[in-house]
Protein backbone atom coordinates (compact mmCIF):
# COMPACT_ATOMS: atom_id res chain seq x y z
CA MET A 1 -126.84 -35.39 38.87
CA LYS A 2 -125.11 -32.96 36.52
CA ILE A 3 -122.68 -30.33 37.81
CA LEU A 4 -121.16 -27.53 35.74
CA VAL A 5 -118.34 -25.39 37.11
CA ALA A 6 -116.97 -22.46 35.11
CA ILE A 7 -113.37 -21.57 35.92
CA ASP A 8 -110.90 -18.94 34.81
CA GLU A 9 -107.43 -18.22 36.13
CA SER A 10 -108.67 -16.62 39.35
CA GLU A 11 -108.18 -18.07 42.79
CA GLY A 12 -111.91 -17.80 43.46
CA SER A 13 -112.88 -20.01 40.55
CA LEU A 14 -110.39 -22.68 41.57
CA TYR A 15 -111.90 -22.55 45.06
CA ALA A 16 -115.36 -23.01 43.52
CA LEU A 17 -114.15 -26.10 41.65
CA GLN A 18 -112.59 -27.53 44.79
CA TRP A 19 -115.78 -26.84 46.76
CA ALA A 20 -117.95 -28.52 44.12
CA LEU A 21 -115.73 -31.60 44.08
CA GLU A 22 -115.76 -31.86 47.86
CA HIS A 23 -119.45 -31.11 48.47
CA LEU A 24 -121.40 -32.12 45.39
CA TYR A 25 -119.61 -35.11 43.92
CA LEU A 26 -120.60 -38.19 45.85
CA PRO A 27 -118.73 -41.41 45.04
CA GLU A 28 -121.85 -43.50 45.68
CA THR A 29 -123.55 -41.81 42.69
CA GLU A 30 -120.58 -42.51 40.42
CA GLY A 31 -122.64 -44.08 37.64
CA SER A 32 -125.20 -41.27 37.45
CA ALA A 33 -123.12 -38.15 38.15
CA ALA A 34 -121.35 -35.90 35.65
CA ILE A 35 -119.06 -32.96 36.29
CA THR A 36 -118.42 -30.56 33.43
CA ILE A 37 -115.66 -27.99 33.79
CA VAL A 38 -115.74 -24.98 31.46
CA HIS A 39 -112.60 -22.88 31.18
CA VAL A 40 -113.46 -19.28 30.34
CA GLN A 41 -111.18 -16.49 29.24
CA PRO A 42 -111.81 -12.76 29.24
CA HIS A 43 -113.04 -11.35 25.96
CA THR A 44 -110.57 -9.07 24.23
CA ALA A 45 -112.28 -6.23 22.43
CA VAL A 46 -111.15 -5.60 18.87
CA PRO A 47 -111.96 -2.20 17.38
CA ALA A 48 -114.37 -2.23 14.46
CA GLY A 49 -112.52 -2.52 11.20
CA ALA A 50 -109.41 -4.01 12.77
CA GLY A 51 -107.83 -6.53 10.50
CA LYS A 52 -109.32 -5.00 7.36
CA CYS A 53 -107.00 -2.83 5.33
CA PHE A 54 -108.24 -1.01 2.28
CA PHE A 55 -105.74 0.51 -0.10
């Protein structure tokens, strides 16, 4: 079994991780189970042309 949980800094995502660990990870499947945790961050928009200076 493969489980992927995406988390950010919100309380809801930490609850989702806790729920997945408690309900989906079964110790008896230890050899065939994998949990992947992906930490996501909000995308910060950069205006077009930012960082390019023409003189």
